Amino acid sequence: MVKPPFRTKTLSTKVSNEEFTQLEAAASKSGLTLSEWCREAILAGVNGQEPKSATDSAGPGQLTLLAELVALRAILLNVLFRQANGQTVTADEMQGLIDRADSDKVRKARERLEQALDSKQT
């Protein structure tokens, strides 16, 4: 794992109670500390980018793993449901299940991460 550069400079600013509450909520939603969230937001603004979303904080490896699990779950549930109803799955049907699961696995994984972060805040 690559370590971030050693940080030696400090930025500070004054905000109202309401602004502070808004900043804390945004940081919490992103799964970051307030300091990390502010750093990301400031640097994203300087670089002309959007600040990281809640799912970005999961990391690409975690998102990939969750996406694969979501796809595997979709395939397994479909196959088990058909078998429970006395149906068999042809090779073409299986390929269709795989293609459908692969087509939206990342979107579903992101949704699950967002839901997990939302439920963690309540």
PDB file of N, CA and C in Angstrom:
ATOM      1  N   MET A   1       0.836  -1.175   0.000  1.00  0.00           N
ATOM      2  CA  MET A   1       0.000   0.000   0.000  1.00  0.00           C
ATOM      3  C   MET A   1       0.884   1.241   0.000  1.00  0.00           C
ATOM      4  N   VAL A   2       0.540   2.204  -0.818  1.00  0.00           N
ATOM      5  CA  VAL A   2       1.310   3.436  -0.938  1.00  0.00           C
ATOM      6  C   VAL A   2       0.850   4.413   0.135  1.00  0.00           C
ATOM      7  N   LYS A   3       1.804   4.929   0.878  1.00  0.00           N
ATOM      8  CA  LYS A   3       1.476   5.906   1.913  1.00  0.00           C
ATOM      9  C   LYS A   3       1.263   7.269   1.294  1.00  0.00           C
ATOM     10  N   PRO A   4       0.282   8.039   1.819  1.00  0.00           N
ATOM     11  CA  PRO A   4       0.106   9.405   1.308  1.00  0.00           C
ATOM     12  C   PRO A   4       1.315  10.253   1.685  1.00  0.00           C
ATOM     13  N   PRO A   5       1.545  11.339   0.963  1.00  0.00           N
ATOM     14  CA  PRO A   5       2.690  12.194   1.305  1.00  0.00           C
ATOM     15  C   PRO A   5       2.542  12.754   2.718  1.00  0.00           C
ATOM     16  N   PHE A   6       3.658  12.960   3.359  1.00  0.00           N
ATOM     17  CA  PHE A   6       3.664  13.502   4.713  1.00  0.00           C
ATOM     18  C   PHE A   6       3.139  14.930   4.662  1.00  0.00           C
ATOM     19  N   ARG A   7       2.126  15.200   5.438  1.00  0.00           N
ATOM     20  CA  ARG A   7       1.496  16.527   5.427  1.00  0.00           C
ATOM     21  C   ARG A   7       2.023  17.350   6.604  1.00  0.00           C
ATOM     22  N   THR A   8       2.470  18.571   6.278  1.00  0.00           N
ATOM     23  CA  THR A   8       3.037  19.416   7.327  1.00  0.00           C
ATOM     24  C   THR A   8       2.350  20.765   7.445  1.00  0.00           C
ATOM     25  N   LYS A   9       1.489  21.105   6.510  1.00  0.00           N
ATOM     26  CA  LYS A   9       0.832  22.411   6.506  1.00  0.00           C
ATOM     27  C   LYS A   9      -0.594  22.280   7.017  1.00  0.00           C
ATOM     28  N   THR A  10      -1.101  23.336   7.653  1.00  0.00           N
ATOM     29  CA  THR A  10      -2.441  23.341   8.214  1.00  0.00           C
ATOM     30  C   THR A  10      -3.255  24.476   7.614  1.00  0.00           C
ATOM     31  N   LEU A  11      -4.503  24.180   7.297  1.00  0.00           N
ATOM     32  CA  LEU A  11      -5.465  25.190   6.863  1.00  0.00           C
ATOM     33  C   LEU A  11      -6.528  25.278   7.944  1.00  0.00           C
ATOM     34  N   SER A  12      -7.066  26.461   8.139  1.00  0.00           N
ATOM     35  CA  SER A  12      -8.193  26.567   9.067  1.00  0.00           C
ATOM     36  C   SER A  12      -9.123  27.658   8.572  1.00  0.00           C
ATOM     37  N   THR A  13     -10.372  27.557   8.995  1.00  0.00           N
ATOM     38  CA  THR A  13     -11.366  28.558   8.633  1.00  0.00           C
ATOM     39  C   THR A  13     -12.438  28.568   9.705  1.00  0.00           C
ATOM     40  N   LYS A  14     -13.156  29.641   9.787  1.00  0.00           N
ATOM     41  CA  LYS A  14     -14.262  29.738  10.735  1.00  0.00           C
ATOM     42  C   LYS A  14     -15.566  29.529   9.980  1.00  0.00           C
ATOM     43  N   VAL A  15     -16.465  28.774  10.602  1.00  0.00           N
ATOM     44  CA  VAL A  15     -17.783  28.518  10.029  1.00  0.00           C
ATOM     45  C   VAL A  15     -18.828  28.699  11.119  1.00  0.00           C
ATOM     46  N   SER A  16     -20.066  28.911  10.705  1.00  0.00           N
ATOM     47  CA  SER A  16     -21.160  29.030  11.679  1.00  0.00           C
ATOM     48  C   SER A  16     -21.524  27.637  12.203  1.00  0.00           C
ATOM     49  N   ASN A  17     -22.324  27.583  13.244  1.00  0.00           N
ATOM     50  CA  ASN A  17     -22.781  26.303  13.781  1.00  0.00           C
ATOM     51  C   ASN A  17     -23.534  25.508  12.709  1.00  0.00           C
ATOM     52  N   GLU A  18     -24.374  26.217  11.953  1.00  0.00           N
ATOM     53  CA  GLU A  18     -25.149  25.557  10.900  1.00  0.00           C
ATOM     54  C   GLU A  18     -24.232  25.002   9.814  1.00  0.00           C
ATOM     55  N   GLU A  19     -23.240  25.782   9.408  1.00  0.00           N
ATOM     56  CA  GLU A  19     -22.300  25.320   8.388  1.00  0.00           C
ATOM     57  C   GLU A  19     -21.500  24.120   8.892  1.00  0.00           C
ATOM     58  N   PHE A  20     -21.099  24.167  10.153  1.00  0.00           N
ATOM     59  CA  PHE A  20     -20.343  23.064  10.730  1.00  0.00           C
ATOM     60  C   PHE A  20     -21.172  21.790  10.724  1.00  0.00           C
ATOM     61  N   THR A  21     -22.450  21.901  11.076  1.00  0.00           N
ATOM     62  CA  THR A  21     -23.349  20.746  11.070  1.00  0.00           C
ATOM     63  C   THR A  21     -23.464  20.175   9.664  1.00  0.00           C
ATOM     64  N   GLN A  22     -23.572  21.053   8.664  1.00  0.00           N
ATOM     65  CA  GLN A  22     -23.656  20.603   7.272  1.00  0.00           C
ATOM     66  C   GLN A  22     -22.374  19.888   6.841  1.00  0.00           C
ATOM     67  N   LEU A  23     -21.239  20.437   7.230  1.00  0.00           N
ATOM     68  CA  LEU A  23     -19.961  19.822   6.878  1.00  0.00           C
ATOM     69  C   LEU A  23     -19.799  18.461   7.551  1.00  0.00           C
ATOM     70  N   GLU A  24     -20.174  18.367   8.814  1.00  0.00           N
ATOM     71  CA  GLU A  24     -20.102  17.083   9.520  1.00  0.00           C
ATOM     72  C   GLU A  24     -20.987  16.038   8.847  1.00  0.00           C
ATOM     73  N   ALA A  25     -22.188  16.430   8.453  1.00  0.00           N
ATOM     74  CA  ALA A  25     -23.116  15.501   7.806  1.00  0.00           C
ATOM     75  C   ALA A  25     -22.554  15.014   6.475  1.00  0.00           C
ATOM     76  N   ALA A  26     -21.975  15.917   5.699  1.00  0.00           N
ATOM     77  CA  ALA A  26     -21.401  15.538   4.407  1.00  0.00           C
ATOM     78  C   ALA A  26     -20.229  14.578   4.598  1.00  0.00           C
ATOM     79  N   ALA A  27     -19.397  14.854   5.580  1.00  0.00           N
ATOM     80  CA  ALA A  27     -18.249  13.986   5.851  1.00  0.00           C
ATOM     81  C   ALA A  27     -18.719  12.611   6.300  1.00  0.00           C
ATOM     82  N   SER A  28     -19.687  12.585   7.182  1.00  0.00           N
ATOM     83  CA  SER A  28     -20.211  11.323   7.682  1.00  0.00           C
ATOM     84  C   SER A  28     -20.817  10.499   6.558  1.00  0.00           C
ATOM     85  N   LYS A  29     -21.565  11.154   5.684  1.00  0.00           N
ATOM     86  CA  LYS A  29     -22.193  10.458   4.558  1.00  0.00           C
ATOM     87  C   LYS A  29     -21.144   9.834   3.643  1.00  0.00           C
ATOM     88  N   SER A  30     -20.002  10.486   3.532  1.00  0.00           N
ATOM     89  CA  SER A  30     -18.922   9.979   2.691  1.00  0.00           C
ATOM     90  C   SER A  30     -18.073   8.939   3.400  1.00  0.00           C
ATOM     91  N   GLY A  31     -18.327   8.728   4.677  1.00  0.00           N
ATOM     92  CA  GLY A  31     -17.540   7.753   5.424  1.00  0.00           C
ATOM     93  C   GLY A  31     -16.136   8.240   5.746  1.00  0.00           C
ATOM     94  N   LEU A  32     -15.967   9.558   5.762  1.00  0.00           N
ATOM     95  CA  LEU A  32     -14.661  10.144   6.039  1.00  0.00           C
ATOM     96  C   LEU A  32     -14.737  10.983   7.303  1.00  0.00           C
ATOM     97  N   THR A  33     -13.575  11.237   7.898  1.00  0.00           N
ATOM     98  CA  THR A  33     -13.537  12.187   8.995  1.00  0.00           C
ATOM     99  C   THR A  33     -13.761  13.575   8.419  1.00  0.00           C
ATOM    100  N   LEU A  34     -14.119  14.520   9.271  1.00  0.00           N
ATOM    101  CA  LEU A  34     -14.342  15.884   8.805  1.00  0.00           C
ATOM    102  C   LEU A  34     -13.087  16.438   8.136  1.00  0.00           C
ATOM    103  N   SER A  35     -11.930  16.201   8.741  1.00  0.00           N
ATOM    104  CA  SER A  35     -10.670  16.686   8.184  1.00  0.00           C
ATOM    105  C   SER A  35     -10.404  16.075   6.808  1.00  0.00           C
ATOM    106  N   GLU A  36     -10.589  14.745   6.682  1.00  0.00           N
ATOM    107  CA  GLU A  36     -10.362  14.080   5.398  1.00  0.00           C
ATOM    108  C   GLU A  36     -11.331  14.601   4.334  1.00  0.00           C
ATOM    109  N   TRP A  37     -12.604  14.768   4.733  1.00  0.00           N
ATOM    110  CA  TRP A  37     -13.603  15.226   3.783  1.00  0.00           C
ATOM    111  C   TRP A  37     -13.275  16.636   3.289  1.00  0.00           C
ATOM    112  N   CYS A  38     -12.906  17.517   4.211  1.00  0.00           N
ATOM    113  CA  CYS A  38     -12.559  18.891   3.827  1.00  0.00           C
ATOM    114  C   CYS A  38     -11.361  18.905   2.888  1.00  0.00           C
ATOM    115  N   ARG A  39     -10.341  18.100   3.194  1.00  0.00           N
ATOM    116  CA  ARG A  39      -9.158  18.035   2.330  1.00  0.00           C
ATOM    117  C   ARG A  39      -9.562  17.580   0.931  1.00  0.00           C
ATOM    118  N   GLU A  40     -10.365  16.504   0.856  1.00  0.00           N
ATOM    119  CA  GLU A  40     -10.811  15.986  -0.444  1.00  0.00           C
ATOM    120  C   GLU A  40     -11.629  17.025  -1.205  1.00  0.00           C
ATOM    121  N   ALA A  41     -12.537  17.720  -0.513  1.00  0.00           N
ATOM    122  CA  ALA A  41     -13.396  18.713  -1.161  1.00  0.00           C
ATOM    123  C   ALA A  41     -12.576  19.883  -1.689  1.00  0.00           C
ATOM    124  N   ILE A  42     -11.630  20.349  -0.894  1.00  0.00           N
ATOM    125  CA  ILE A  42     -10.786  21.482  -1.312  1.00  0.00           C
ATOM    126  C   ILE A  42      -9.926  21.095  -2.507  1.00  0.00           C
ATOM    127  N   LEU A  43      -9.266  19.943  -2.413  1.00  0.00           N
ATOM    128  CA  LEU A  43      -8.393  19.513  -3.510  1.00  0.00           C
ATOM    129  C   LEU A  43      -9.194  19.192  -4.768  1.00  0.00           C
ATOM    130  N   ALA A  44     -10.379  18.630  -4.609  1.00  0.00           N
ATOM    131  CA  ALA A  44     -11.229  18.364  -5.775  1.00  0.00           C
ATOM    132  C   ALA A  44     -11.611  19.668  -6.454  1.00  0.00           C
ATOM    133  N   GLY A  45     -11.923  20.687  -5.661  1.00  0.00           N
ATOM    134  CA  GLY A  45     -12.252  21.994  -6.226  1.00  0.00           C
ATOM    135  C   GLY A  45     -11.088  22.604  -6.977  1.00  0.00           C
ATOM    136  N   VAL A  46      -9.903  22.497  -6.429  1.00  0.00           N
ATOM    137  CA  VAL A  46      -8.706  23.041  -7.069  1.00  0.00           C
ATOM    138  C   VAL A  46      -8.425  22.314  -8.380  1.00  0.00           C
ATOM    139  N   ASN A  47      -8.660  21.006  -8.383  1.00  0.00           N
ATOM    140  CA  ASN A  47      -8.371  20.192  -9.567  1.00  0.00           C
ATOM    141  C   ASN A  47      -9.544  20.097 -10.537  1.00  0.00           C
ATOM    142  N   GLY A  48     -10.634  20.808 -10.251  1.00  0.00           N
ATOM    143  CA  GLY A  48     -11.787  20.791 -11.134  1.00  0.00           C
ATOM    144  C   GLY A  48     -12.525  19.471 -11.145  1.00  0.00           C
ATOM    145  N   GLN A  49     -12.530  18.771 -10.019  1.00  0.00           N
ATOM    146  CA  GLN A  49     -13.196  17.471  -9.914  1.00  0.00           C
ATOM    147  C   GLN A  49     -14.320  17.553  -8.895  1.00  0.00           C
ATOM    148  N   GLU A  50     -15.139  16.512  -8.885  1.00  0.00           N
ATOM    149  CA  GLU A  50     -16.163  16.387  -7.855  1.00  0.00           C
ATOM    150  C   GLU A  50     -15.527  15.753  -6.620  1.00  0.00           C
ATOM    151  N   PRO A  51     -15.975  16.139  -5.413  1.00  0.00           N
ATOM    152  CA  PRO A  51     -15.485  15.460  -4.220  1.00  0.00           C
ATOM    153  C   PRO A  51     -15.865  13.986  -4.259  1.00  0.00           C
ATOM    154  N   LYS A  52     -15.137  13.164  -3.542  1.00  0.00           N
ATOM    155  CA  LYS A  52     -15.408  11.733  -3.511  1.00  0.00           C
ATOM    156  C   LYS A  52     -16.804  11.467  -2.969  1.00  0.00           C
ATOM    157  N   SER A  53     -17.441  10.475  -3.549  1.00  0.00           N
ATOM    158  CA  SER A  53     -18.753  10.074  -3.043  1.00  0.00           C
ATOM    159  C   SER A  53     -18.570   9.025  -1.957  1.00  0.00           C
ATOM    160  N   ALA A  54     -19.662   8.645  -1.339  1.00  0.00           N
ATOM    161  CA  ALA A  54     -19.616   7.648  -0.275  1.00  0.00           C
ATOM    162  C   ALA A  54     -19.041   6.337  -0.789  1.00  0.00           C
ATOM    163  N   THR A  55     -19.388   5.957  -2.008  1.00  0.00           N
ATOM    164  CA  THR A  55     -18.899   4.686  -2.526  1.00  0.00           C
ATOM    165  C   THR A  55     -17.430   4.746  -2.897  1.00  0.00           C
ATOM    166  N   ASP A  56     -16.923   5.931  -3.208  1.00  0.00           N
ATOM    167  CA  ASP A  56     -15.504   6.053  -3.518  1.00  0.00           C
ATOM    168  C   ASP A  56     -14.649   5.739  -2.302  1.00  0.00           C
ATOM    169  N   SER A  57     -15.174   6.016  -1.108  1.00  0.00           N
ATOM    170  CA  SER A  57     -14.389   5.770   0.097  1.00  0.00           C
ATOM    171  C   SER A  57     -14.207   4.284   0.364  1.00  0.00           C
ATOM    172  N   ALA A  58     -15.013   3.445  -0.307  1.00  0.00           N
ATOM    173  CA  ALA A  58     -14.891   2.005  -0.118  1.00  0.00           C
ATOM    174  C   ALA A  58     -13.616   1.473  -0.758  1.00  0.00           C
ATOM    175  N   GLY A  59     -13.142   2.133  -1.775  1.00  0.00           N
ATOM    176  CA  GLY A  59     -11.947   1.677  -2.471  1.00  0.00           C
ATOM    177  C   GLY A  59     -12.316   0.773  -3.627  1.00  0.00           C
ATOM    178  N   PRO A  60     -11.507   0.784  -4.682  1.00  0.00           N
ATOM    179  CA  PRO A  60     -11.847   0.005  -5.874  1.00  0.00           C
ATOM    180  C   PRO A  60     -11.864  -1.502  -5.621  1.00  0.00           C
ATOM    181  N   GLY A  61     -10.980  -1.998  -4.787  1.00  0.00           N
ATOM    182  CA  GLY A  61     -10.955  -3.438  -4.500  1.00  0.00           C
ATOM    183  C   GLY A  61     -12.212  -3.890  -3.788  1.00  0.00           C
ATOM    184  N   GLN A  62     -12.660  -3.098  -2.823  1.00  0.00           N
ATOM    185  CA  GLN A  62     -13.873  -3.446  -2.087  1.00  0.00           C
ATOM    186  C   GLN A  62     -15.100  -3.359  -2.975  1.00  0.00           C
ATOM    187  N   LEU A  63     -15.168  -2.343  -3.819  1.00  0.00           N
ATOM    188  CA  LEU A  63     -16.305  -2.199  -4.730  1.00  0.00           C
ATOM    189  C   LEU A  63     -16.335  -3.353  -5.725  1.00  0.00           C
ATOM    190  N   THR A  64     -15.189  -3.738  -6.235  1.00  0.00           N
ATOM    191  CA  THR A  64     -15.109  -4.852  -7.175  1.00  0.00           C
ATOM    192  C   THR A  64     -15.572  -6.152  -6.519  1.00  0.00           C
ATOM    193  N   LEU A  65     -15.100  -6.389  -5.312  1.00  0.00           N
ATOM    194  CA  LEU A  65     -15.489  -7.601  -4.592  1.00  0.00           C
ATOM    195  C   LEU A  65     -16.991  -7.618  -4.324  1.00  0.00           C
ATOM    196  N   LEU A  66     -17.532  -6.511  -3.872  1.00  0.00           N
ATOM    197  CA  LEU A  66     -18.963  -6.443  -3.617  1.00  0.00           C
ATOM    198  C   LEU A  66     -19.750  -6.626  -4.910  1.00  0.00           C
ATOM    199  N   ALA A  67     -19.287  -6.044  -6.005  1.00  0.00           N
ATOM    200  CA  ALA A  67     -19.968  -6.197  -7.294  1.00  0.00           C
ATOM    201  C   ALA A  67     -20.013  -7.658  -7.718  1.00  0.00           C
ATOM    202  N   GLU A  68     -18.907  -8.363  -7.536  1.00  0.00           N
ATOM    203  CA  GLU A  68     -18.876  -9.784  -7.889  1.00  0.00           C
ATOM    204  C   GLU A  68     -19.821 -10.592  -6.995  1.00  0.00           C
ATOM    205  N   LEU A  69     -19.861 -10.261  -5.715  1.00  0.00           N
ATOM    206  CA  LEU A  69     -20.783 -10.958  -4.810  1.00  0.00           C
ATOM    207  C   LEU A  69     -22.238 -10.691  -5.168  1.00  0.00           C
ATOM    208  N   VAL A  70     -22.546  -9.461  -5.548  1.00  0.00           N
ATOM    209  CA  VAL A  70     -23.906  -9.107  -5.958  1.00  0.00           C
ATOM    210  C   VAL A  70     -24.291  -9.908  -7.202  1.00  0.00           C
ATOM    211  N   ALA A  71     -23.384  -9.999  -8.178  1.00  0.00           N
ATOM    212  CA  ALA A  71     -23.660 -10.753  -9.399  1.00  0.00           C
ATOM    213  C   ALA A  71     -23.833 -12.240  -9.092  1.00  0.00           C
ATOM    214  N   LEU A  72     -22.959 -12.783  -8.274  1.00  0.00           N
ATOM    215  CA  LEU A  72     -23.045 -14.198  -7.900  1.00  0.00           C
ATOM    216  C   LEU A  72     -24.359 -14.497  -7.192  1.00  0.00           C
ATOM    217  N   ARG A  73     -24.767 -13.614  -6.307  1.00  0.00           N
ATOM    218  CA  ARG A  73     -26.034 -13.771  -5.586  1.00  0.00           C
ATOM    219  C   ARG A  73     -27.205 -13.782  -6.556  1.00  0.00           C
ATOM    220  N   ALA A  74     -27.205 -12.861  -7.524  1.00  0.00           N
ATOM    221  CA  ALA A  74     -28.291 -12.790  -8.501  1.00  0.00           C
ATOM    222  C   ALA A  74     -28.377 -14.079  -9.310  1.00  0.00           C
ATOM    223  N   ILE A  75     -27.247 -14.580  -9.759  1.00  0.00           N
ATOM    224  CA  ILE A  75     -27.220 -15.821 -10.542  1.00  0.00           C
ATOM    225  C   ILE A  75     -27.708 -16.988  -9.693  1.00  0.00           C
ATOM    226  N   LEU A  76     -27.169 -17.121  -8.503  1.00  0.00           N
ATOM    227  CA  LEU A  76     -27.523 -18.230  -7.617  1.00  0.00           C
ATOM    228  C   LEU A  76     -29.007 -18.232  -7.274  1.00  0.00           C
ATOM    229  N   LEU A  77     -29.544 -17.073  -6.923  1.00  0.00           N
ATOM    230  CA  LEU A  77     -30.962 -17.008  -6.573  1.00  0.00           C
ATOM    231  C   LEU A  77     -31.851 -17.374  -7.758  1.00  0.00           C
ATOM    232  N   ASN A  78     -31.481 -16.918  -8.945  1.00  0.00           N
ATOM    233  CA  ASN A  78     -32.263 -17.262 -10.134  1.00  0.00           C
ATOM    234  C   ASN A  78     -32.229 -18.761 -10.423  1.00  0.00           C
ATOM    235  N   VAL A  79     -31.058 -19.360 -10.331  1.00  0.00           N
ATOM    236  CA  VAL A  79     -30.926 -20.795 -10.587  1.00  0.00           C
ATOM    237  C   VAL A  79     -31.676 -21.594  -9.522  1.00  0.00           C
ATOM    238  N   LEU A  80     -31.505 -21.244  -8.259  1.00  0.00           N
ATOM    239  CA  LEU A  80     -32.192 -21.964  -7.185  1.00  0.00           C
ATOM    240  C   LEU A  80     -33.713 -21.830  -7.289  1.00  0.00           C
ATOM    241  N   PHE A  81     -34.191 -20.659  -7.671  1.00  0.00           N
ATOM    242  CA  PHE A  81     -35.630 -20.449  -7.819  1.00  0.00           C
ATOM    243  C   PHE A  81     -36.186 -21.351  -8.920  1.00  0.00           C
ATOM    244  N   ARG A  82     -35.465 -21.414 -10.034  1.00  0.00           N
ATOM    245  CA  ARG A  82     -35.925 -22.269 -11.136  1.00  0.00           C
ATOM    246  C   ARG A  82     -35.901 -23.744 -10.724  1.00  0.00           C
ATOM    247  N   GLN A  83     -34.859 -24.158 -10.046  1.00  0.00           N
ATOM    248  CA  GLN A  83     -34.774 -25.548  -9.611  1.00  0.00           C
ATOM    249  C   GLN A  83     -35.869 -25.881  -8.604  1.00  0.00           C
ATOM    250  N   ALA A  84     -36.174 -24.959  -7.718  1.00  0.00           N
ATOM    251  CA  ALA A  84     -37.228 -25.178  -6.730  1.00  0.00           C
ATOM    252  C   ALA A  84     -38.589 -25.338  -7.402  1.00  0.00           C
ATOM    253  N   ASN A  85     -38.748 -24.763  -8.574  1.00  0.00           N
ATOM    254  CA  ASN A  85     -39.994 -24.884  -9.330  1.00  0.00           C
ATOM    255  C   ASN A  85     -39.939 -26.017 -10.353  1.00  0.00           C
ATOM    256  N   GLY A  86     -38.950 -26.884 -10.236  1.00  0.00           N
ATOM    257  CA  GLY A  86     -38.843 -28.044 -11.111  1.00  0.00           C
ATOM    258  C   GLY A  86     -38.343 -27.747 -12.505  1.00  0.00           C
ATOM    259  N   GLN A  87     -37.773 -26.594 -12.709  1.00  0.00           N
ATOM    260  CA  GLN A  87     -37.263 -26.217 -14.030  1.00  0.00           C
ATOM    261  C   GLN A  87     -35.765 -26.472 -14.102  1.00  0.00           C
ATOM    262  N   THR A  88     -35.291 -26.706 -15.307  1.00  0.00           N
ATOM    263  CA  THR A  88     -33.852 -26.812 -15.514  1.00  0.00           C
ATOM    264  C   THR A  88     -33.379 -25.541 -16.210  1.00  0.00           C
ATOM    265  N   VAL A  89     -32.096 -25.301 -16.163  1.00  0.00           N
ATOM    266  CA  VAL A  89     -31.521 -24.114 -16.780  1.00  0.00           C
ATOM    267  C   VAL A  89     -30.631 -24.565 -17.930  1.00  0.00           C
ATOM    268  N   THR A  90     -30.964 -24.106 -19.126  1.00  0.00           N
ATOM    269  CA  THR A  90     -30.145 -24.452 -20.293  1.00  0.00           C
ATOM    270  C   THR A  90     -28.864 -23.614 -20.288  1.00  0.00           C
ATOM    271  N   ALA A  91     -27.939 -23.986 -21.131  1.00  0.00           N
ATOM    272  CA  ALA A  91     -26.681 -23.238 -21.239  1.00  0.00           C
ATOM    273  C   ALA A  91     -26.952 -21.804 -21.702  1.00  0.00           C
ATOM    274  N   ASP A  92     -27.867 -21.632 -22.640  1.00  0.00           N
ATOM    275  CA  ASP A  92     -28.195 -20.288 -23.122  1.00  0.00           C
ATOM    276  C   ASP A  92     -28.848 -19.448 -22.022  1.00  0.00           C
ATOM    277  N   GLU A  93     -29.752 -20.066 -21.245  1.00  0.00           N
ATOM    278  CA  GLU A  93     -30.390 -19.350 -20.145  1.00  0.00           C
ATOM    279  C   GLU A  93     -29.369 -18.962 -19.079  1.00  0.00           C
ATOM    280  N   MET A  94     -28.445 -19.864 -18.814  1.00  0.00           N
ATOM    281  CA  MET A  94     -27.401 -19.572 -17.823  1.00  0.00           C
ATOM    282  C   MET A  94     -26.543 -18.404 -18.292  1.00  0.00           C
ATOM    283  N   GLN A  95     -26.192 -18.402 -19.570  1.00  0.00           N
ATOM    284  CA  GLN A  95     -25.392 -17.294 -20.103  1.00  0.00           C
ATOM    285  C   GLN A  95     -26.174 -15.993 -20.008  1.00  0.00           C
ATOM    286  N   GLY A  96     -27.472 -16.047 -20.245  1.00  0.00           N
ATOM    287  CA  GLY A  96     -28.312 -14.860 -20.103  1.00  0.00           C
ATOM    288  C   GLY A  96     -28.326 -14.342 -18.674  1.00  0.00           C
ATOM    289  N   LEU A  97     -28.412 -15.276 -17.701  1.00  0.00           N
ATOM    290  CA  LEU A  97     -28.375 -14.875 -16.288  1.00  0.00           C
ATOM    291  C   LEU A  97     -27.042 -14.217 -15.946  1.00  0.00           C
ATOM    292  N   ILE A  98     -25.963 -14.794 -16.452  1.00  0.00           N
ATOM    293  CA  ILE A  98     -24.629 -14.246 -16.191  1.00  0.00           C
ATOM    294  C   ILE A  98     -24.496 -12.853 -16.811  1.00  0.00           C
ATOM    295  N   ASP A  99     -24.929 -12.724 -18.064  1.00  0.00           N
ATOM    296  CA  ASP A  99     -24.837 -11.425 -18.744  1.00  0.00           C
ATOM    297  C   ASP A  99     -25.650 -10.357 -18.018  1.00  0.00           C
ATOM    298  N   ARG A 100     -26.860 -10.710 -17.590  1.00  0.00           N
ATOM    299  CA  ARG A 100     -27.712  -9.751 -16.893  1.00  0.00           C
ATOM    300  C   ARG A 100     -27.095  -9.358 -15.547  1.00  0.00           C
ATOM    301  N   ALA A 101     -26.565 -10.342 -14.822  1.00  0.00           N
ATOM    302  CA  ALA A 101     -25.945 -10.045 -13.528  1.00  0.00           C
ATOM    303  C   ALA A 101     -24.709  -9.156 -13.707  1.00  0.00           C
ATOM    304  N   ASP A 102     -23.924  -9.442 -14.737  1.00  0.00           N
ATOM    305  CA  ASP A 102     -22.718  -8.649 -14.991  1.00  0.00           C
ATOM    306  C   ASP A 102     -23.044  -7.226 -15.440  1.00  0.00           C
ATOM    307  N   SER A 103     -24.166  -7.052 -16.125  1.00  0.00           N
ATOM    308  CA  SER A 103     -24.477  -5.745 -16.695  1.00  0.00           C
ATOM    309  C   SER A 103     -24.783  -4.685 -15.646  1.00  0.00           C
ATOM    310  N   ASP A 104     -25.292  -5.094 -14.501  1.00  0.00           N
ATOM    311  CA  ASP A 104     -25.644  -4.076 -13.494  1.00  0.00           C
ATOM    312  C   ASP A 104     -25.052  -4.332 -12.115  1.00  0.00           C
ATOM    313  N   LYS A 105     -24.014  -5.155 -12.049  1.00  0.00           N
ATOM    314  CA  LYS A 105     -23.442  -5.493 -10.750  1.00  0.00           C
ATOM    315  C   LYS A 105     -22.779  -4.296 -10.064  1.00  0.00           C
ATOM    316  N   VAL A 106     -22.101  -3.445 -10.811  1.00  0.00           N
ATOM    317  CA  VAL A 106     -21.421  -2.297 -10.196  1.00  0.00           C
ATOM    318  C   VAL A 106     -22.449  -1.291  -9.676  1.00  0.00           C
ATOM    319  N   ARG A 107     -23.486  -1.046 -10.473  1.00  0.00           N
ATOM    320  CA  ARG A 107     -24.542  -0.125 -10.039  1.00  0.00           C
ATOM    321  C   ARG A 107     -25.204  -0.641  -8.757  1.00  0.00           C
ATOM    322  N   LYS A 108     -25.506  -1.928  -8.724  1.00  0.00           N
ATOM    323  CA  LYS A 108     -26.140  -2.501  -7.537  1.00  0.00           C
ATOM    324  C   LYS A 108     -25.194  -2.466  -6.332  1.00  0.00           C
ATOM    325  N   ALA A 109     -23.917  -2.703  -6.564  1.00  0.00           N
ATOM    326  CA  ALA A 109     -22.949  -2.650  -5.468  1.00  0.00           C
ATOM    327  C   ALA A 109     -22.868  -1.240  -4.896  1.00  0.00           C
ATOM    328  N   ARG A 110     -22.860  -0.230  -5.764  1.00  0.00           N
ATOM    329  CA  ARG A 110     -22.843   1.164  -5.301  1.00  0.00           C
ATOM    330  C   ARG A 110     -24.098   1.482  -4.491  1.00  0.00           C
ATOM    331  N   GLU A 111     -25.243   1.000  -4.964  1.00  0.00           N
ATOM    332  CA  GLU A 111     -26.495   1.216  -4.230  1.00  0.00           C
ATOM    333  C   GLU A 111     -26.428   0.584  -2.843  1.00  0.00           C
ATOM    334  N   ARG A 112     -25.872  -0.613  -2.763  1.00  0.00           N
ATOM    335  CA  ARG A 112     -25.757  -1.294  -1.468  1.00  0.00           C
ATOM    336  C   ARG A 112     -24.833  -0.535  -0.519  1.00  0.00           C
ATOM    337  N   LEU A 113     -23.734  -0.010  -1.047  1.00  0.00           N
ATOM    338  CA  LEU A 113     -22.825   0.776  -0.217  1.00  0.00           C
ATOM    339  C   LEU A 113     -23.506   2.045   0.283  1.00  0.00           C
ATOM    340  N   GLU A 114     -24.248   2.712  -0.590  1.00  0.00           N
ATOM    341  CA  GLU A 114     -24.979   3.922  -0.193  1.00  0.00           C
ATOM    342  C   GLU A 114     -25.995   3.587   0.895  1.00  0.00           C
ATOM    343  N   GLN A 115     -26.727   2.485   0.723  1.00  0.00           N
ATOM    344  CA  GLN A 115     -27.720   2.076   1.714  1.00  0.00           C
ATOM    345  C   GLN A 115     -27.052   1.768   3.056  1.00  0.00           C
ATOM    346  N   ALA A 116     -25.920   1.103   3.004  1.00  0.00           N
ATOM    347  CA  ALA A 116     -25.209   0.755   4.228  1.00  0.00           C
ATOM    348  C   ALA A 116     -24.753   2.021   4.972  1.00  0.00           C
ATOM    349  N   LEU A 117     -24.236   2.983   4.229  1.00  0.00           N
ATOM    350  CA  LEU A 117     -23.789   4.238   4.845  1.00  0.00           C
ATOM    351  C   LEU A 117     -24.979   5.025   5.401  1.00  0.00           C
ATOM    352  N   ASP A 118     -26.104   5.039   4.669  1.00  0.00           N
ATOM    353  CA  ASP A 118     -27.293   5.742   5.138  1.00  0.00           C
ATOM    354  C   ASP A 118     -27.841   5.114   6.419  1.00  0.00           C
ATOM    355  N   SER A 119     -27.883   3.786   6.469  1.00  0.00           N
ATOM    356  CA  SER A 119     -28.418   3.112   7.652  1.00  0.00           C
ATOM    357  C   SER A 119     -27.469   3.248   8.844  1.00  0.00           C
ATOM    358  N   LYS A 120     -26.189   3.389   8.571  1.00  0.00           N
ATOM    359  CA  LYS A 120     -25.198   3.571   9.637  1.00  0.00           C
ATOM    360  C   LYS A 120     -25.353   4.936  10.319  1.00  0.00           C
ATOM    361  N   GLN A 121     -25.851   5.913   9.557  1.00  0.00           N
ATOM    362  CA  GLN A 121     -26.005   7.274  10.089  1.00  0.00           C
ATOM    363  C   GLN A 121     -27.260   7.439  10.914  1.00  0.00           C
ATOM    364  N   THR A 122     -28.236   6.554  10.748  1.00  0.00           N
ATOM    365  CA  THR A 122     -29.489   6.715  11.490  1.00  0.00           C
ATOM    366  C   THR A 122     -29.501   5.958  12.782  1.00  0.00           C
TER     367      THR A 122
END
